[in-house]
Amino acid sequence: MSTKIYDRVALIGLGLIASSMFWAIRRAGLADEVTGYARSRATRDTARRIGLCDRVCDSAAEAVEGADLVVLCVPVGAMEQVARDIAPALKPGATVTDVGSVKRAVIEAVAPHLPDGVHFVPAHPLAGTEHSGPESGFAELFDNRWCLLVPVENSDDDAVARLTALWEGIGSNVEIMDADHHDLVLAVTSHAPHLIAYTMVGVADDLRRVTDSEVIKFSAAGFRDFTRIAASDPTMWRDVFLNNKDATLEILGRFTEELFALQRAIRIGDGDHLHAYFTRTRAIRRGIIEAGQDTDAPDFGRAKSVR
C-alpha cells in the first residue's frame, strides 16, 4: 500500500534540513519525485554527486514547476527573494511551506508574493545538528522530534492536513501553533540559548589568547557542549536574531535578571538560594528526557573514544 502524499516535492535550499527531508521522504515513499535547487553551483554539484533529490535544477523556478509542495529551506533573510523568484512558476493549488526558525518574519516576507490559489502553511521542524550542507543530512533526523505548523489566516484545511501527514510520515510529532507564540517559545528554547553559547565561547576565546591553548586542552563537558551549539551555521543564526528581535530581547532581559540574582547569591554566600535554584532547573532536564527528546545515557550517549 502506497504512503504517497505528494506527486512532486520541491526543496529550495539543499542544506541539513532539506537533505534530511529528502532521505526521510525516500525512506517512507511519501512522494514520486523530489526536485531540488541551491543557489551555489558547488552545492548543486555535490547534491547530484551524492544522489540528493531525483532532479537537481539550476533555478528555483525550474525546481518548483509542477510541484505539489514547495519547501523553502533557506535562511530567513533569503525567504522574500526566493518567494519572488518562484511565484510566477508555482502550480495553482500547490502548497508552499518553509522550515525557518522564526515564523512571524517569514509570513511577512513570503505571503505577499504568493499568487492566489497557492496555499501557504509555514512550518518549523525542531531538529538539527551543528553540521550544515547537503552531505550532513540523514533520514532519521526528524524521528520523534516535533514539527510545529503555523497556518496563516485562511490556510486551506486540506493543505494543512496533507503537510501534517508528510511530517508524520517523515517521523515527526506535529503540533499547530500561533506565529507569535512560536517565536516566543523558540526564543526560550533555542534562540537565547544559542546566543548565550556563542557568548560563552567568545569569552573563552578571549581567555585562550591569554592562556594559550588551555581553554581548549582542558575543556570540560559544559564548555564542550557550548562549542557544539556555537558551531551552528552563522548565516542562519544571524537571520534568526535579526528577525526575532523582540522575543529574543525579552528572554535575554529575563536571563540577565536571573544572572544578577545568582551573582548576588554567590557574592553573599547564599547557598540555600543556589541549591534551590539548581534543584528547580534540574527538574527541567528530567522532563526533557521523560518526553523522549534526549537520552539519559552518560555523557549524552557519546562514544567512549570521544574526549
C-alpha atoms as a PDB file:
ATOM      1  CA  MET A   1       0.000   0.000   0.000  1.00  0.00           C
ATOM      2  CA  SER A   2       1.434   3.335  -1.079  1.00  0.00           C
ATOM      3  CA  THR A   3       2.091   6.015   1.513  1.00  0.00           C
ATOM      4  CA  LYS A   4       2.491   8.697  -1.156  1.00  0.00           C
ATOM      5  CA  ILE A   5       1.188  12.129  -0.142  1.00  0.00           C
ATOM      6  CA  TYR A   6       2.500  14.310  -2.985  1.00  0.00           C
ATOM      7  CA  ASP A   7       3.383  13.594  -6.593  1.00  0.00           C
ATOM      8  CA  ARG A   8       6.250  16.097  -6.640  1.00  0.00           C
ATOM      9  CA  VAL A   9       8.031  17.927  -3.822  1.00  0.00           C
ATOM     10  CA  ALA A  10      10.496  20.769  -4.473  1.00  0.00           C
ATOM     11  CA  LEU A  11      13.225  21.591  -1.945  1.00  0.00           C
ATOM     12  CA  ILE A  12      14.662  25.111  -2.284  1.00  0.00           C
ATOM     13  CA  GLY A  13      17.981  25.201  -0.460  1.00  0.00           C
ATOM     14  CA  LEU A  14      19.883  21.944  -0.014  1.00  0.00           C
ATOM     15  CA  GLY A  15      21.421  22.030   3.460  1.00  0.00           C
ATOM     16  CA  LEU A  16      20.993  19.800   6.501  1.00  0.00           C
ATOM     17  CA  ILE A  17      17.193  20.077   6.788  1.00  0.00           C
ATOM     18  CA  ALA A  18      16.436  19.718   3.068  1.00  0.00           C
ATOM     19  CA  SER A  19      18.799  16.795   2.618  1.00  0.00           C
ATOM     20  CA  SER A  20      17.366  15.054   5.679  1.00  0.00           C
ATOM     21  CA  MET A  21      13.850  15.683   4.370  1.00  0.00           C
ATOM     22  CA  PHE A  22      14.764  14.075   1.052  1.00  0.00           C
ATOM     23  CA  TRP A  23      16.183  10.929   2.640  1.00  0.00           C
ATOM     24  CA  ALA A  24      13.206  10.681   5.010  1.00  0.00           C
ATOM     25  CA  ILE A  25      10.714  11.170   2.161  1.00  0.00           C
ATOM     26  CA  ARG A  26      12.532   8.458   0.197  1.00  0.00           C
ATOM     27  CA  ARG A  27      12.587   6.130   3.202  1.00  0.00           C
ATOM     28  CA  ALA A  28       8.800   6.346   3.581  1.00  0.00           C
ATOM     29  CA  GLY A  29       7.809   6.675  -0.084  1.00  0.00           C
ATOM     30  CA  LEU A  30       5.971   9.950   0.507  1.00  0.00           C
ATOM     31  CA  ALA A  31       6.478  11.441  -2.986  1.00  0.00           C
ATOM     32  CA  ASP A  32       7.024  10.188  -6.523  1.00  0.00           C
ATOM     33  CA  GLU A  33       9.655  12.815  -7.320  1.00  0.00           C
ATOM     34  CA  VAL A  34      11.711  15.316  -5.326  1.00  0.00           C
ATOM     35  CA  THR A  35      13.365  18.189  -7.131  1.00  0.00           C
ATOM     36  CA  GLY A  36      15.949  20.474  -5.573  1.00  0.00           C
ATOM     37  CA  TYR A  37      17.718  23.780  -6.063  1.00  0.00           C
ATOM     38  CA  ALA A  38      20.567  25.527  -4.278  1.00  0.00           C
ATOM     39  CA  ARG A  39      21.967  28.965  -5.084  1.00  0.00           C
ATOM     40  CA  SER A  40      25.558  27.700  -5.063  1.00  0.00           C
ATOM     41  CA  ARG A  41      26.683  25.715  -8.088  1.00  0.00           C
ATOM     42  CA  ALA A  42      29.087  23.772  -5.848  1.00  0.00           C
ATOM     43  CA  THR A  43      26.169  22.720  -3.645  1.00  0.00           C
ATOM     44  CA  ARG A  44      24.160  21.640  -6.696  1.00  0.00           C
ATOM     45  CA  ASP A  45      27.133  19.627  -7.964  1.00  0.00           C
ATOM     46  CA  THR A  46      27.520  17.947  -4.574  1.00  0.00           C
ATOM     47  CA  ALA A  47      23.812  17.130  -4.463  1.00  0.00           C
ATOM     48  CA  ARG A  48      23.990  15.495  -7.892  1.00  0.00           C
ATOM     49  CA  ARG A  49      27.089  13.540  -6.915  1.00  0.00           C
ATOM     50  CA  ILE A  50      25.522  12.036  -3.776  1.00  0.00           C
ATOM     51  CA  GLY A  51      22.117  11.418  -5.340  1.00  0.00           C
ATOM     52  CA  LEU A  52      20.361  14.070  -3.266  1.00  0.00           C
ATOM     53  CA  CYS A  53      16.998  14.702  -4.986  1.00  0.00           C
ATOM     54  CA  ASP A  54      15.712  12.931  -8.079  1.00  0.00           C
ATOM     55  CA  ARG A  55      16.460  16.025 -10.128  1.00  0.00           C
ATOM     56  CA  VAL A  56      18.646  18.993  -9.183  1.00  0.00           C
ATOM     57  CA  CYS A  57      17.674  22.127 -11.114  1.00  0.00           C
ATOM     58  CA  ASP A  58      19.672  25.213 -12.000  1.00  0.00           C
ATOM     59  CA  SER A  59      16.978  27.708 -10.984  1.00  0.00           C
ATOM     60  CA  ALA A  60      14.395  27.865  -8.241  1.00  0.00           C
ATOM     61  CA  ALA A  61      11.645  28.488 -10.785  1.00  0.00           C
ATOM     62  CA  GLU A  62      12.556  25.310 -12.659  1.00  0.00           C
ATOM     63  CA  ALA A  63      12.578  23.294  -9.435  1.00  0.00           C
ATOM     64  CA  VAL A  64       9.070  24.373  -8.362  1.00  0.00           C
ATOM     65  CA  GLU A  65       7.429  23.919 -11.751  1.00  0.00           C
ATOM     66  CA  GLY A  66       4.672  21.345 -11.399  1.00  0.00           C
ATOM     67  CA  ALA A  67       5.419  20.722  -7.707  1.00  0.00           C
ATOM     68  CA  ASP A  68       2.547  19.985  -5.341  1.00  0.00           C
ATOM     69  CA  LEU A  69       4.639  21.000  -2.320  1.00  0.00           C
ATOM     70  CA  VAL A  70       7.424  23.582  -2.231  1.00  0.00           C
ATOM     71  CA  VAL A  71       9.634  23.688   0.871  1.00  0.00           C
ATOM     72  CA  LEU A  72      11.729  26.812   1.446  1.00  0.00           C
ATOM     73  CA  CYS A  73      14.879  25.602   3.211  1.00  0.00           C
ATOM     74  CA  VAL A  74      16.878  28.837   3.013  1.00  0.00           C
ATOM     75  CA  PRO A  75      17.952  31.291   5.753  1.00  0.00           C
ATOM     76  CA  VAL A  76      15.157  33.551   6.974  1.00  0.00           C
ATOM     77  CA  GLY A  77      16.792  36.594   5.388  1.00  0.00           C
ATOM     78  CA  ALA A  78      16.630  34.968   1.931  1.00  0.00           C
ATOM     79  CA  MET A  79      12.948  33.942   2.086  1.00  0.00           C
ATOM     80  CA  GLU A  80      11.457  37.052   0.477  1.00  0.00           C
ATOM     81  CA  GLN A  81      13.678  36.967  -2.601  1.00  0.00           C
ATOM     82  CA  VAL A  82      13.077  33.255  -3.089  1.00  0.00           C
ATOM     83  CA  ALA A  83       9.307  33.816  -2.834  1.00  0.00           C
ATOM     84  CA  ARG A  84       9.567  36.492  -5.532  1.00  0.00           C
ATOM     85  CA  ASP A  85      11.638  34.191  -7.741  1.00  0.00           C
ATOM     86  CA  ILE A  86       9.307  31.194  -7.575  1.00  0.00           C
ATOM     87  CA  ALA A  87       5.900  32.944  -7.547  1.00  0.00           C
ATOM     88  CA  PRO A  88       5.356  33.003 -11.349  1.00  0.00           C
ATOM     89  CA  ALA A  89       6.243  29.303 -11.688  1.00  0.00           C
ATOM     90  CA  LEU A  90       4.060  27.939  -8.886  1.00  0.00           C
ATOM     91  CA  LYS A  91       1.371  25.460  -9.863  1.00  0.00           C
ATOM     92  CA  PRO A  92      -2.226  26.500  -8.961  1.00  0.00           C
ATOM     93  CA  GLY A  93      -3.272  24.567  -5.853  1.00  0.00           C
ATOM     94  CA  ALA A  94       0.316  23.957  -4.726  1.00  0.00           C
ATOM     95  CA  THR A  95       1.317  24.311  -1.085  1.00  0.00           C
ATOM     96  CA  VAL A  96       4.309  26.431  -0.073  1.00  0.00           C
ATOM     97  CA  THR A  97       5.897  25.806   3.319  1.00  0.00           C
ATOM     98  CA  ASP A  98       9.228  26.538   4.988  1.00  0.00           C
ATOM     99  CA  VAL A  99      11.493  25.268   7.765  1.00  0.00           C
ATOM    100  CA  GLY A 100      12.554  28.601   9.267  1.00  0.00           C
ATOM    101  CA  SER A 101      13.261  29.057  12.982  1.00  0.00           C
ATOM    102  CA  VAL A 102      11.240  32.288  13.038  1.00  0.00           C
ATOM    103  CA  LYS A 103       7.644  32.444  11.868  1.00  0.00           C
ATOM    104  CA  ARG A 104       6.185  35.964  12.002  1.00  0.00           C
ATOM    105  CA  ALA A 105       9.010  37.414   9.884  1.00  0.00           C
ATOM    106  CA  VAL A 106       8.743  34.561   7.363  1.00  0.00           C
ATOM    107  CA  ILE A 107       4.999  35.054   6.989  1.00  0.00           C
ATOM    108  CA  GLU A 108       5.502  38.781   6.381  1.00  0.00           C
ATOM    109  CA  ALA A 109       8.292  38.090   3.877  1.00  0.00           C
ATOM    110  CA  VAL A 110       6.668  35.290   1.868  1.00  0.00           C
ATOM    111  CA  ALA A 111       2.867  35.582   1.968  1.00  0.00           C
ATOM    112  CA  PRO A 112       2.524  38.842  -0.027  1.00  0.00           C
ATOM    113  CA  HIS A 113       4.331  37.349  -3.018  1.00  0.00           C
ATOM    114  CA  LEU A 114       2.379  34.115  -3.406  1.00  0.00           C
ATOM    115  CA  PRO A 115      -0.321  34.085  -6.089  1.00  0.00           C
ATOM    116  CA  ASP A 116      -3.983  33.394  -5.393  1.00  0.00           C
ATOM    117  CA  GLY A 117      -4.757  29.693  -5.372  1.00  0.00           C
ATOM    118  CA  VAL A 118      -1.413  28.751  -3.780  1.00  0.00           C
ATOM    119  CA  HIS A 119      -1.641  27.622  -0.158  1.00  0.00           C
ATOM    120  CA  PHE A 120       0.894  28.853   2.403  1.00  0.00           C
ATOM    121  CA  VAL A 121       1.467  26.739   5.531  1.00  0.00           C
ATOM    122  CA  PRO A 122       4.616  27.830   7.439  1.00  0.00           C
ATOM    123  CA  ALA A 123       6.379  25.145   9.471  1.00  0.00           C
ATOM    124  CA  HIS A 124       9.360  24.629  11.744  1.00  0.00           C
ATOM    125  CA  PRO A 125      10.905  21.205  12.385  1.00  0.00           C
ATOM    126  CA  LEU A 126      12.605  21.279  15.796  1.00  0.00           C
ATOM    127  CA  ALA A 127      15.550  19.165  14.750  1.00  0.00           C
ATOM    128  CA  GLY A 128      19.103  19.781  13.670  1.00  0.00           C
ATOM    129  CA  THR A 129      22.769  19.271  14.334  1.00  0.00           C
ATOM    130  CA  GLU A 130      25.750  21.606  14.374  1.00  0.00           C
ATOM    131  CA  HIS A 131      26.619  20.431  10.849  1.00  0.00           C
ATOM    132  CA  SER A 132      25.387  22.013   7.629  1.00  0.00           C
ATOM    133  CA  GLY A 133      25.465  21.375   3.905  1.00  0.00           C
ATOM    134  CA  PRO A 134      23.971  18.720   1.613  1.00  0.00           C
ATOM    135  CA  GLU A 135      26.193  15.893   2.872  1.00  0.00           C
ATOM    136  CA  SER A 136      25.131  16.397   6.507  1.00  0.00           C
ATOM    137  CA  GLY A 137      21.576  15.116   6.123  1.00  0.00           C
ATOM    138  CA  PHE A 138      20.222  11.750   7.270  1.00  0.00           C
ATOM    139  CA  ALA A 139      16.737  10.227   7.225  1.00  0.00           C
ATOM    140  CA  GLU A 140      16.475   9.758  10.998  1.00  0.00           C
ATOM    141  CA  LEU A 141      16.962  13.438  11.884  1.00  0.00           C
ATOM    142  CA  PHE A 142      13.255  14.062  12.496  1.00  0.00           C
ATOM    143  CA  ASP A 143      12.338  10.797  14.221  1.00  0.00           C
ATOM    144  CA  ASN A 144      10.343  11.535  17.385  1.00  0.00           C
ATOM    145  CA  ARG A 145      11.119  15.250  17.095  1.00  0.00           C
ATOM    146  CA  TRP A 146       8.476  17.957  16.907  1.00  0.00           C
ATOM    147  CA  CYS A 147       7.447  19.892  13.822  1.00  0.00           C
ATOM    148  CA  LEU A 148       5.352  22.993  14.501  1.00  0.00           C
ATOM    149  CA  LEU A 149       2.884  24.048  11.809  1.00  0.00           C
ATOM    150  CA  VAL A 150       1.859  27.697  11.834  1.00  0.00           C
ATOM    151  CA  PRO A 151      -1.083  28.136   9.442  1.00  0.00           C
ATOM    152  CA  VAL A 152      -1.821  31.680   8.292  1.00  0.00           C
ATOM    153  CA  GLU A 153      -5.247  33.267   8.139  1.00  0.00           C
ATOM    154  CA  ASN A 154      -7.471  31.342   5.709  1.00  0.00           C
ATOM    155  CA  SER A 155      -4.969  28.477   5.354  1.00  0.00           C
ATOM    156  CA  ASP A 156      -6.593  25.621   3.452  1.00  0.00           C
ATOM    157  CA  ASP A 157      -7.568  22.778   5.799  1.00  0.00           C
ATOM    158  CA  ASP A 158      -6.669  20.083   3.271  1.00  0.00           C
ATOM    159  CA  ALA A 159      -3.234  21.656   2.663  1.00  0.00           C
ATOM    160  CA  VAL A 160      -2.598  21.676   6.420  1.00  0.00           C
ATOM    161  CA  ALA A 161      -3.747  18.049   6.726  1.00  0.00           C
ATOM    162  CA  ARG A 162      -1.511  16.855   3.880  1.00  0.00           C
ATOM    163  CA  LEU A 163       1.526  18.689   5.252  1.00  0.00           C
ATOM    164  CA  THR A 164       0.800  17.212   8.681  1.00  0.00           C
ATOM    165  CA  ALA A 165       0.715  13.743   7.103  1.00  0.00           C
ATOM    166  CA  LEU A 166       4.052  14.396   5.367  1.00  0.00           C
ATOM    167  CA  TRP A 167       5.806  15.418   8.584  1.00  0.00           C
ATOM    168  CA  GLU A 168       4.301  12.490  10.459  1.00  0.00           C
ATOM    169  CA  GLY A 169       5.445  10.193   7.638  1.00  0.00           C
ATOM    170  CA  ILE A 170       8.928  11.690   7.957  1.00  0.00           C
ATOM    171  CA  GLY A 171       8.885  10.655  11.631  1.00  0.00           C
ATOM    172  CA  SER A 172       7.897  13.853  13.440  1.00  0.00           C
ATOM    173  CA  ASN A 173       5.283  14.669  16.020  1.00  0.00           C
ATOM    174  CA  VAL A 174       3.194  17.598  14.744  1.00  0.00           C
ATOM    175  CA  GLU A 175       1.553  20.446  16.630  1.00  0.00           C
ATOM    176  CA  ILE A 176      -0.256  23.580  15.426  1.00  0.00           C
ATOM    177  CA  MET A 177       0.914  26.876  16.921  1.00  0.00           C
ATOM    178  CA  ASP A 178       0.287  30.604  16.505  1.00  0.00           C
ATOM    179  CA  ALA A 179       3.174  32.515  14.897  1.00  0.00           C
ATOM    180  CA  ASP A 180       3.835  34.996  17.716  1.00  0.00           C
ATOM    181  CA  HIS A 181       3.608  32.301  20.376  1.00  0.00           C
ATOM    182  CA  HIS A 182       6.011  30.158  18.321  1.00  0.00           C
ATOM    183  CA  ASP A 183       8.551  32.972  18.203  1.00  0.00           C
ATOM    184  CA  LEU A 184       8.386  33.481  21.977  1.00  0.00           C
ATOM    185  CA  VAL A 185       8.652  29.752  22.755  1.00  0.00           C
ATOM    186  CA  LEU A 186      11.631  29.361  20.426  1.00  0.00           C
ATOM    187  CA  ALA A 187      13.319  32.420  21.925  1.00  0.00           C
ATOM    188  CA  VAL A 188      13.290  30.497  25.232  1.00  0.00           C
ATOM    189  CA  THR A 189      14.134  27.009  23.986  1.00  0.00           C
ATOM    190  CA  SER A 190      16.543  27.772  21.146  1.00  0.00           C
ATOM    191  CA  HIS A 191      17.385  31.346  20.230  1.00  0.00           C
ATOM    192  CA  ALA A 192      18.541  32.725  23.597  1.00  0.00           C
ATOM    193  CA  PRO A 193      20.463  29.525  24.487  1.00  0.00           C
ATOM    194  CA  HIS A 194      22.329  29.763  21.191  1.00  0.00           C
ATOM    195  CA  LEU A 195      23.231  33.401  21.821  1.00  0.00           C
ATOM    196  CA  ILE A 196      24.432  32.537  25.329  1.00  0.00           C
ATOM    197  CA  ALA A 197      26.534  29.685  23.916  1.00  0.00           C
ATOM    198  CA  TYR A 198      28.069  31.969  21.301  1.00  0.00           C
ATOM    199  CA  THR A 199      28.867  34.486  24.054  1.00  0.00           C
ATOM    200  CA  MET A 200      30.454  31.921  26.382  1.00  0.00           C
ATOM    201  CA  VAL A 201      32.639  30.550  23.591  1.00  0.00           C
ATOM    202  CA  GLY A 202      33.588  34.115  22.629  1.00  0.00           C
ATOM    203  CA  VAL A 203      34.622  34.880  26.221  1.00  0.00           C
ATOM    204  CA  ALA A 204      36.654  31.676  26.340  1.00  0.00           C
ATOM    205  CA  ASP A 205      38.317  32.612  23.060  1.00  0.00           C
ATOM    206  CA  ASP A 206      39.416  35.902  24.618  1.00  0.00           C
ATOM    207  CA  LEU A 207      40.766  33.963  27.601  1.00  0.00           C
ATOM    208  CA  ARG A 208      42.519  31.479  25.318  1.00  0.00           C
ATOM    209  CA  ARG A 209      44.558  34.312  23.860  1.00  0.00           C
ATOM    210  CA  VAL A 210      45.934  34.894  27.328  1.00  0.00           C
ATOM    211  CA  THR A 211      46.368  31.271  28.390  1.00  0.00           C
ATOM    212  CA  ASP A 212      47.497  29.782  25.057  1.00  0.00           C
ATOM    213  CA  SER A 213      45.633  26.525  24.417  1.00  0.00           C
ATOM    214  CA  GLU A 214      44.495  25.650  27.933  1.00  0.00           C
ATOM    215  CA  VAL A 215      40.852  26.566  27.379  1.00  0.00           C
ATOM    216  CA  ILE A 216      40.667  24.088  24.506  1.00  0.00           C
ATOM    217  CA  LYS A 217      43.009  21.490  26.005  1.00  0.00           C
ATOM    218  CA  PHE A 218      41.166  21.256  29.320  1.00  0.00           C
ATOM    219  CA  SER A 219      37.605  21.776  28.050  1.00  0.00           C
ATOM    220  CA  ALA A 220      35.167  20.054  30.394  1.00  0.00           C
ATOM    221  CA  ALA A 221      31.800  18.809  29.196  1.00  0.00           C
ATOM    222  CA  GLY A 222      29.920  22.047  29.931  1.00  0.00           C
ATOM    223  CA  PHE A 223      32.135  24.215  27.745  1.00  0.00           C
ATOM    224  CA  ARG A 224      32.464  21.474  25.130  1.00  0.00           C
ATOM    225  CA  ASP A 225      28.673  21.387  24.717  1.00  0.00           C
ATOM    226  CA  PHE A 226      28.594  25.176  24.369  1.00  0.00           C
ATOM    227  CA  THR A 227      31.071  24.864  21.495  1.00  0.00           C
ATOM    228  CA  ARG A 228      28.838  22.301  19.768  1.00  0.00           C
ATOM    229  CA  ILE A 229      25.922  24.737  19.823  1.00  0.00           C
ATOM    230  CA  ALA A 230      28.147  27.635  18.788  1.00  0.00           C
ATOM    231  CA  ALA A 231      29.349  25.683  15.735  1.00  0.00           C
ATOM    232  CA  SER A 232      25.926  26.095  14.088  1.00  0.00           C
ATOM    233  CA  ASP A 233      25.508  27.863  10.754  1.00  0.00           C
ATOM    234  CA  PRO A 234      26.354  31.568  11.246  1.00  0.00           C
ATOM    235  CA  THR A 235      24.163  32.871   8.397  1.00  0.00           C
ATOM    236  CA  MET A 236      21.092  31.089   9.712  1.00  0.00           C
ATOM    237  CA  TRP A 237      21.602  32.347  13.268  1.00  0.00           C
ATOM    238  CA  ARG A 238      22.348  35.921  12.194  1.00  0.00           C
ATOM    239  CA  ASP A 239      18.987  35.942  10.403  1.00  0.00           C
ATOM    240  CA  VAL A 240      17.179  34.328  13.337  1.00  0.00           C
ATOM    241  CA  PHE A 241      18.246  37.061  15.755  1.00  0.00           C
ATOM    242  CA  LEU A 242      17.563  39.900  13.336  1.00  0.00           C
ATOM    243  CA  ASN A 243      14.092  38.514  12.606  1.00  0.00           C
ATOM    244  CA  ASN A 244      13.035  37.501  16.129  1.00  0.00           C
ATOM    245  CA  LYS A 245      14.373  40.591  17.810  1.00  0.00           C
ATOM    246  CA  ASP A 246      11.572  41.415  20.264  1.00  0.00           C
ATOM    247  CA  ALA A 247      11.067  37.919  21.703  1.00  0.00           C
ATOM    248  CA  THR A 248      14.806  37.257  21.972  1.00  0.00           C
ATOM    249  CA  LEU A 249      15.463  40.576  23.709  1.00  0.00           C
ATOM    250  CA  GLU A 250      12.606  39.885  26.149  1.00  0.00           C
ATOM    251  CA  ILE A 251      14.076  36.499  27.101  1.00  0.00           C
ATOM    252  CA  LEU A 252      17.620  37.892  27.313  1.00  0.00           C
ATOM    253  CA  GLY A 253      16.319  40.595  29.669  1.00  0.00           C
ATOM    254  CA  ARG A 254      14.866  37.932  31.942  1.00  0.00           C
ATOM    255  CA  PHE A 255      18.085  35.926  31.684  1.00  0.00           C
ATOM    256  CA  THR A 256      20.094  38.974  32.754  1.00  0.00           C
ATOM    257  CA  GLU A 257      17.861  39.452  35.805  1.00  0.00           C
ATOM    258  CA  GLU A 258      18.306  35.797  36.801  1.00  0.00           C
ATOM    259  CA  LEU A 259      22.062  36.049  36.279  1.00  0.00           C
ATOM    260  CA  PHE A 260      22.288  39.111  38.511  1.00  0.00           C
ATOM    261  CA  ALA A 261      20.342  37.249  41.229  1.00  0.00           C
ATOM    262  CA  LEU A 262      22.772  34.311  41.008  1.00  0.00           C
ATOM    263  CA  GLN A 263      25.748  36.684  41.062  1.00  0.00           C
ATOM    264  CA  ARG A 264      24.398  38.211  44.275  1.00  0.00           C
ATOM    265  CA  ALA A 265      23.825  34.760  45.838  1.00  0.00           C
ATOM    266  CA  ILE A 266      27.412  33.783  45.068  1.00  0.00           C
ATOM    267  CA  ARG A 267      28.770  37.104  46.341  1.00  0.00           C
ATOM    268  CA  ILE A 268      26.962  36.921  49.698  1.00  0.00           C
ATOM    269  CA  GLY A 269      27.364  33.160  50.090  1.00  0.00           C
ATOM    270  CA  ASP A 270      23.651  32.323  49.867  1.00  0.00           C
ATOM    271  CA  GLY A 271      23.973  28.566  49.412  1.00  0.00           C
ATOM    272  CA  ASP A 272      20.272  27.952  50.053  1.00  0.00           C
ATOM    273  CA  HIS A 273      19.303  30.138  47.091  1.00  0.00           C
ATOM    274  CA  LEU A 274      21.799  28.415  44.804  1.00  0.00           C
ATOM    275  CA  HIS A 275      20.744  24.909  45.895  1.00  0.00           C
ATOM    276  CA  ALA A 276      17.045  25.669  45.467  1.00  0.00           C
ATOM    277  CA  TYR A 277      17.643  27.218  42.035  1.00  0.00           C
ATOM    278  CA  PHE A 278      19.742  24.302  40.772  1.00  0.00           C
ATOM    279  CA  THR A 279      17.211  21.791  42.125  1.00  0.00           C
ATOM    280  CA  ARG A 280      14.388  23.511  40.238  1.00  0.00           C
ATOM    281  CA  THR A 281      16.320  23.712  36.980  1.00  0.00           C
ATOM    282  CA  ARG A 282      17.484  20.113  37.254  1.00  0.00           C
ATOM    283  CA  ALA A 283      13.839  19.045  37.039  1.00  0.00           C
ATOM    284  CA  ILE A 284      13.610  20.607  33.567  1.00  0.00           C
ATOM    285  CA  ARG A 285      16.288  18.190  32.355  1.00  0.00           C
ATOM    286  CA  ARG A 286      14.336  15.250  33.728  1.00  0.00           C
ATOM    287  CA  GLY A 287      11.234  16.479  31.897  1.00  0.00           C
ATOM    288  CA  ILE A 288      13.097  16.651  28.579  1.00  0.00           C
ATOM    289  CA  ILE A 289      14.328  13.070  28.993  1.00  0.00           C
ATOM    290  CA  GLU A 290      10.876  11.829  30.017  1.00  0.00           C
ATOM    291  CA  ALA A 291       9.428  13.481  26.894  1.00  0.00           C
ATOM    292  CA  GLY A 292      11.816  11.423  24.771  1.00  0.00           C
ATOM    293  CA  GLN A 293      13.657  14.499  23.460  1.00  0.00           C
ATOM    294  CA  ASP A 294      17.109  13.428  24.705  1.00  0.00           C
ATOM    295  CA  THR A 295      18.896  10.474  26.234  1.00  0.00           C
ATOM    296  CA  ASP A 296      19.870   9.998  29.860  1.00  0.00           C
ATOM    297  CA  ALA A 297      22.872   7.927  28.806  1.00  0.00           C
ATOM    298  CA  PRO A 298      26.100   9.093  30.483  1.00  0.00           C
ATOM    299  CA  ASP A 299      27.827  11.895  28.571  1.00  0.00           C
ATOM    300  CA  PHE A 300      24.761  12.210  26.296  1.00  0.00           C
ATOM    301  CA  GLY A 301      25.471   8.756  24.837  1.00  0.00           C
ATOM    302  CA  ARG A 302      28.718   9.838  23.232  1.00  0.00           C
ATOM    303  CA  ALA A 303      31.111   7.170  22.058  1.00  0.00           C
ATOM    304  CA  LYS A 304      33.719   6.493  24.714  1.00  0.00           C
ATOM    305  CA  SER A 305      36.527   7.375  22.304  1.00  0.00           C
ATOM    306  CA  VAL A 306      35.365  10.987  22.256  1.00  0.00           C
ATOM    307  CA  ARG A 307      37.147  13.172  24.777  1.00  0.00           C
END
